[in-house]
Amino acid sequence: MKTIYVGNLPFSATEEEIQDLFEQHGAVTSVKLIADRETNRPRGFGFVEMESGADEAVEALDGTEFGGRSLRVNEAKPREPRGGGGGGRGERW
């Protein structure tokens, strides 16, 4: 199973439309479009998990037009760990 990053999506795109697009190349396990946590508006990217045909889908769909936008499609990279906490540089006041 491979996870594919899909970027530059039109904000009107639905998970069903993305699934239909990728199913032309293989078996889709899941589609997850990412929304802003606070506004719940689409962020214009998502992830597609494919059982088969992932490499073919990346090759065929990267740079193609969808909803008036040129898609960015590539194999998803593992998420970088985020630094926790924040604030301060160890200074005392």
N, C-alpha and C. Protein backbone atom coordinates (compact mmCIF):
# COMPACT_ATOMS: atom_id res chain seq x y z
N MET A 1 0.85 -1.18 0.00
CA MET A 1 0.00 0.00 0.00
C MET A 1 0.89 1.24 0.00
N LYS A 2 0.53 2.21 -0.83
CA LYS A 2 1.29 3.46 -0.91
C LYS A 2 0.36 4.64 -0.67
N THR A 3 0.91 5.68 -0.05
CA THR A 3 0.17 6.92 0.16
C THR A 3 0.71 7.96 -0.80
N ILE A 4 -0.20 8.64 -1.48
CA ILE A 4 0.15 9.63 -2.49
C ILE A 4 -0.32 11.00 -2.03
N TYR A 5 0.56 12.00 -2.15
CA TYR A 5 0.20 13.38 -1.86
C TYR A 5 -0.41 13.98 -3.13
N VAL A 6 -1.52 14.69 -2.98
CA VAL A 6 -2.16 15.37 -4.10
C VAL A 6 -2.31 16.83 -3.71
N GLY A 7 -1.63 17.72 -4.43
CA GLY A 7 -1.66 19.14 -4.10
C GLY A 7 -2.20 19.99 -5.22
N ASN A 8 -2.44 21.25 -4.91
CA ASN A 8 -2.99 22.24 -5.83
C ASN A 8 -4.40 21.87 -6.29
N LEU A 9 -5.14 21.26 -5.38
CA LEU A 9 -6.53 20.88 -5.68
C LEU A 9 -7.43 22.12 -5.63
N PRO A 10 -8.44 22.16 -6.50
CA PRO A 10 -9.43 23.24 -6.36
C PRO A 10 -10.18 23.03 -5.04
N PHE A 11 -10.55 24.12 -4.39
CA PHE A 11 -11.22 24.00 -3.10
C PHE A 11 -12.58 23.32 -3.20
N SER A 12 -13.11 23.23 -4.42
CA SER A 12 -14.42 22.59 -4.64
C SER A 12 -14.30 21.07 -4.79
N ALA A 13 -13.09 20.54 -4.85
CA ALA A 13 -12.90 19.09 -5.06
C ALA A 13 -13.49 18.29 -3.91
N THR A 14 -14.08 17.14 -4.26
CA THR A 14 -14.63 16.25 -3.24
C THR A 14 -13.80 14.97 -3.19
N GLU A 15 -13.89 14.27 -2.07
CA GLU A 15 -13.17 13.00 -1.94
C GLU A 15 -13.64 12.00 -2.99
N GLU A 16 -14.92 12.04 -3.34
CA GLU A 16 -15.45 11.12 -4.35
C GLU A 16 -14.82 11.40 -5.72
N GLU A 17 -14.68 12.68 -6.08
CA GLU A 17 -14.07 13.03 -7.37
C GLU A 17 -12.62 12.57 -7.44
N ILE A 18 -11.90 12.75 -6.35
CA ILE A 18 -10.49 12.34 -6.31
C ILE A 18 -10.39 10.82 -6.39
N GLN A 19 -11.28 10.13 -5.69
CA GLN A 19 -11.28 8.66 -5.75
C GLN A 19 -11.54 8.20 -7.18
N ASP A 20 -12.53 8.79 -7.85
CA ASP A 20 -12.82 8.43 -9.25
C ASP A 20 -11.61 8.66 -10.14
N LEU A 21 -10.92 9.77 -9.94
CA LEU A 21 -9.75 10.10 -10.75
C LEU A 21 -8.64 9.06 -10.58
N PHE A 22 -8.37 8.68 -9.33
CA PHE A 22 -7.28 7.75 -9.07
C PHE A 22 -7.65 6.30 -9.37
N GLU A 23 -8.93 5.96 -9.28
CA GLU A 23 -9.35 4.58 -9.56
C GLU A 23 -9.14 4.18 -11.02
N GLN A 24 -8.91 5.16 -11.89
CA GLN A 24 -8.60 4.84 -13.28
C GLN A 24 -7.24 4.16 -13.40
N HIS A 25 -6.44 4.22 -12.32
CA HIS A 25 -5.08 3.69 -12.36
C HIS A 25 -4.84 2.53 -11.42
N GLY A 26 -5.79 2.24 -10.53
CA GLY A 26 -5.62 1.13 -9.60
C GLY A 26 -6.65 1.17 -8.48
N ALA A 27 -6.41 0.31 -7.49
CA ALA A 27 -7.36 0.16 -6.37
C ALA A 27 -7.10 1.21 -5.29
N VAL A 28 -8.09 2.06 -5.05
CA VAL A 28 -7.99 3.11 -4.04
C VAL A 28 -8.54 2.58 -2.72
N THR A 29 -7.74 2.72 -1.66
CA THR A 29 -8.16 2.27 -0.33
C THR A 29 -8.87 3.39 0.42
N SER A 30 -8.30 4.62 0.33
CA SER A 30 -8.94 5.75 1.01
C SER A 30 -8.48 7.07 0.40
N VAL A 31 -9.31 8.10 0.62
CA VAL A 31 -9.00 9.45 0.19
C VAL A 31 -9.26 10.36 1.38
N LYS A 32 -8.30 11.24 1.67
CA LYS A 32 -8.46 12.18 2.79
C LYS A 32 -8.06 13.57 2.32
N LEU A 33 -9.05 14.46 2.17
CA LEU A 33 -8.76 15.85 1.83
C LEU A 33 -8.59 16.62 3.14
N ILE A 34 -7.58 17.46 3.19
CA ILE A 34 -7.24 18.16 4.42
C ILE A 34 -7.97 19.50 4.50
N ALA A 35 -8.58 19.74 5.66
CA ALA A 35 -9.31 20.99 5.90
C ALA A 35 -8.63 21.74 7.04
N ASP A 36 -8.77 23.04 7.04
CA ASP A 36 -8.24 23.88 8.11
C ASP A 36 -8.96 23.53 9.41
N ARG A 37 -8.20 23.36 10.49
CA ARG A 37 -8.80 22.96 11.77
C ARG A 37 -9.79 23.97 12.31
N GLU A 38 -9.50 25.24 12.13
CA GLU A 38 -10.35 26.27 12.73
C GLU A 38 -11.54 26.66 11.86
N THR A 39 -11.34 26.78 10.55
CA THR A 39 -12.42 27.24 9.68
C THR A 39 -13.13 26.10 8.98
N ASN A 40 -12.54 24.92 9.00
CA ASN A 40 -13.06 23.73 8.31
C ASN A 40 -13.13 23.92 6.79
N ARG A 41 -12.39 24.90 6.27
CA ARG A 41 -12.33 25.11 4.82
C ARG A 41 -11.25 24.21 4.23
N PRO A 42 -11.45 23.76 2.99
CA PRO A 42 -10.43 22.93 2.34
C PRO A 42 -9.11 23.68 2.22
N ARG A 43 -8.00 22.95 2.35
CA ARG A 43 -6.68 23.57 2.25
C ARG A 43 -6.04 23.34 0.89
N GLY A 44 -6.72 22.60 0.00
CA GLY A 44 -6.22 22.44 -1.36
C GLY A 44 -5.25 21.29 -1.55
N PHE A 45 -5.21 20.38 -0.58
CA PHE A 45 -4.39 19.19 -0.76
C PHE A 45 -4.99 18.03 0.01
N GLY A 46 -4.48 16.84 -0.28
CA GLY A 46 -4.97 15.66 0.40
C GLY A 46 -4.07 14.47 0.14
N PHE A 47 -4.53 13.31 0.59
CA PHE A 47 -3.76 12.08 0.46
C PHE A 47 -4.65 10.96 -0.05
N VAL A 48 -4.09 10.14 -0.93
CA VAL A 48 -4.80 9.00 -1.47
C VAL A 48 -3.98 7.76 -1.14
N GLU A 49 -4.61 6.75 -0.53
CA GLU A 49 -3.95 5.47 -0.30
C GLU A 49 -4.38 4.51 -1.39
N MET A 50 -3.40 3.86 -2.00
CA MET A 50 -3.71 2.93 -3.08
C MET A 50 -3.11 1.56 -2.80
N GLU A 51 -3.92 0.53 -3.03
CA GLU A 51 -3.49 -0.86 -2.89
C GLU A 51 -2.60 -1.25 -4.06
N SER A 52 -2.96 -0.73 -5.24
CA SER A 52 -2.18 -1.03 -6.45
C SER A 52 -2.29 0.16 -7.40
N GLY A 53 -1.32 0.28 -8.31
CA GLY A 53 -1.37 1.31 -9.33
C GLY A 53 -0.89 2.68 -8.90
N ALA A 54 -0.29 2.78 -7.71
CA ALA A 54 0.13 4.09 -7.19
C ALA A 54 1.17 4.75 -8.10
N ASP A 55 2.18 3.99 -8.51
CA ASP A 55 3.23 4.58 -9.35
C ASP A 55 2.67 5.06 -10.68
N GLU A 56 1.76 4.27 -11.24
CA GLU A 56 1.12 4.65 -12.51
C GLU A 56 0.29 5.91 -12.34
N ALA A 57 -0.41 6.01 -11.22
CA ALA A 57 -1.25 7.19 -10.95
C ALA A 57 -0.38 8.45 -10.82
N VAL A 58 0.73 8.35 -10.10
CA VAL A 58 1.63 9.50 -9.95
C VAL A 58 2.13 9.94 -11.31
N GLU A 59 2.60 8.97 -12.09
CA GLU A 59 3.15 9.26 -13.42
C GLU A 59 2.10 9.91 -14.33
N ALA A 60 0.88 9.37 -14.30
CA ALA A 60 -0.17 9.83 -15.20
C ALA A 60 -0.80 11.16 -14.78
N LEU A 61 -0.91 11.40 -13.47
CA LEU A 61 -1.71 12.54 -13.00
C LEU A 61 -0.90 13.77 -12.61
N ASP A 62 0.39 13.63 -12.33
CA ASP A 62 1.19 14.80 -11.94
C ASP A 62 1.22 15.80 -13.10
N GLY A 63 0.80 17.03 -12.82
CA GLY A 63 0.81 18.08 -13.85
C GLY A 63 -0.45 18.15 -14.69
N THR A 64 -1.37 17.19 -14.51
CA THR A 64 -2.61 17.23 -15.30
C THR A 64 -3.55 18.27 -14.71
N GLU A 65 -4.47 18.75 -15.54
CA GLU A 65 -5.41 19.76 -15.09
C GLU A 65 -6.63 19.09 -14.47
N PHE A 66 -7.06 19.63 -13.34
CA PHE A 66 -8.25 19.15 -12.64
C PHE A 66 -8.93 20.36 -12.05
N GLY A 67 -10.16 20.62 -12.47
CA GLY A 67 -10.90 21.77 -11.95
C GLY A 67 -10.21 23.09 -12.24
N GLY A 68 -9.49 23.17 -13.36
CA GLY A 68 -8.83 24.40 -13.74
C GLY A 68 -7.47 24.61 -13.08
N ARG A 69 -6.98 23.61 -12.36
CA ARG A 69 -5.68 23.74 -11.68
C ARG A 69 -4.78 22.58 -12.08
N SER A 70 -3.49 22.84 -12.09
CA SER A 70 -2.50 21.82 -12.44
C SER A 70 -2.12 21.04 -11.19
N LEU A 71 -2.47 19.75 -11.16
CA LEU A 71 -2.24 18.94 -9.96
C LEU A 71 -0.76 18.68 -9.71
N ARG A 72 -0.41 18.62 -8.43
CA ARG A 72 0.90 18.13 -8.00
C ARG A 72 0.66 16.79 -7.34
N VAL A 73 1.21 15.74 -7.92
CA VAL A 73 0.98 14.39 -7.42
C VAL A 73 2.33 13.70 -7.24
N ASN A 74 2.61 13.25 -6.02
CA ASN A 74 3.82 12.47 -5.78
C ASN A 74 3.65 11.57 -4.56
N GLU A 75 4.59 10.66 -4.40
CA GLU A 75 4.50 9.76 -3.25
C GLU A 75 4.66 10.58 -1.98
N ALA A 76 3.78 10.33 -1.02
CA ALA A 76 3.82 11.09 0.24
C ALA A 76 5.07 10.72 1.02
N LYS A 77 5.67 11.72 1.64
CA LYS A 77 6.83 11.49 2.49
C LYS A 77 6.34 11.41 3.93
N PRO A 78 7.06 10.67 4.77
CA PRO A 78 6.63 10.61 6.18
C PRO A 78 6.62 12.00 6.78
N ARG A 79 5.68 12.24 7.64
CA ARG A 79 5.53 13.56 8.25
C ARG A 79 6.71 13.85 9.17
N GLU A 80 7.26 15.05 9.03
CA GLU A 80 8.37 15.46 9.88
C GLU A 80 7.85 15.67 11.29
N PRO A 81 8.61 15.22 12.29
CA PRO A 81 8.16 15.48 13.67
C PRO A 81 8.17 16.98 13.93
N ARG A 82 7.14 17.44 14.58
CA ARG A 82 7.04 18.86 14.89
C ARG A 82 7.64 19.12 16.26
N GLY A 83 8.29 20.26 16.37
CA GLY A 83 8.83 20.65 17.68
C GLY A 83 7.67 21.03 18.60
N GLY A 84 7.69 20.53 19.79
CA GLY A 84 6.60 20.83 20.73
C GLY A 84 6.90 22.09 21.52
N GLY A 85 5.99 22.46 22.34
CA GLY A 85 6.19 23.60 23.22
C GLY A 85 6.31 24.91 22.48
N GLY A 86 7.40 25.56 22.66
CA GLY A 86 7.61 26.84 22.01
C GLY A 86 8.12 27.84 23.03
N GLY A 87 8.05 29.09 22.67
CA GLY A 87 8.41 30.15 23.60
C GLY A 87 9.85 30.10 24.07
N GLY A 88 10.43 31.26 24.26
CA GLY A 88 11.70 31.40 24.95
C GLY A 88 12.92 30.77 24.31
N ARG A 89 14.05 31.34 24.66
CA ARG A 89 15.33 30.77 24.22
C ARG A 89 16.17 30.47 25.44
N GLY A 90 15.53 30.09 26.50
CA GLY A 90 16.25 29.77 27.71
C GLY A 90 16.68 30.99 28.51
N GLU A 91 16.15 32.14 28.17
CA GLU A 91 16.53 33.36 28.89
C GLU A 91 15.70 33.49 30.16
N ARG A 92 16.33 34.07 31.16
CA ARG A 92 15.61 34.33 32.40
C ARG A 92 15.32 35.81 32.51
N TRP A 93 14.23 36.15 33.13
CA TRP A 93 13.94 37.56 33.33
C TRP A 93 13.52 37.85 34.69
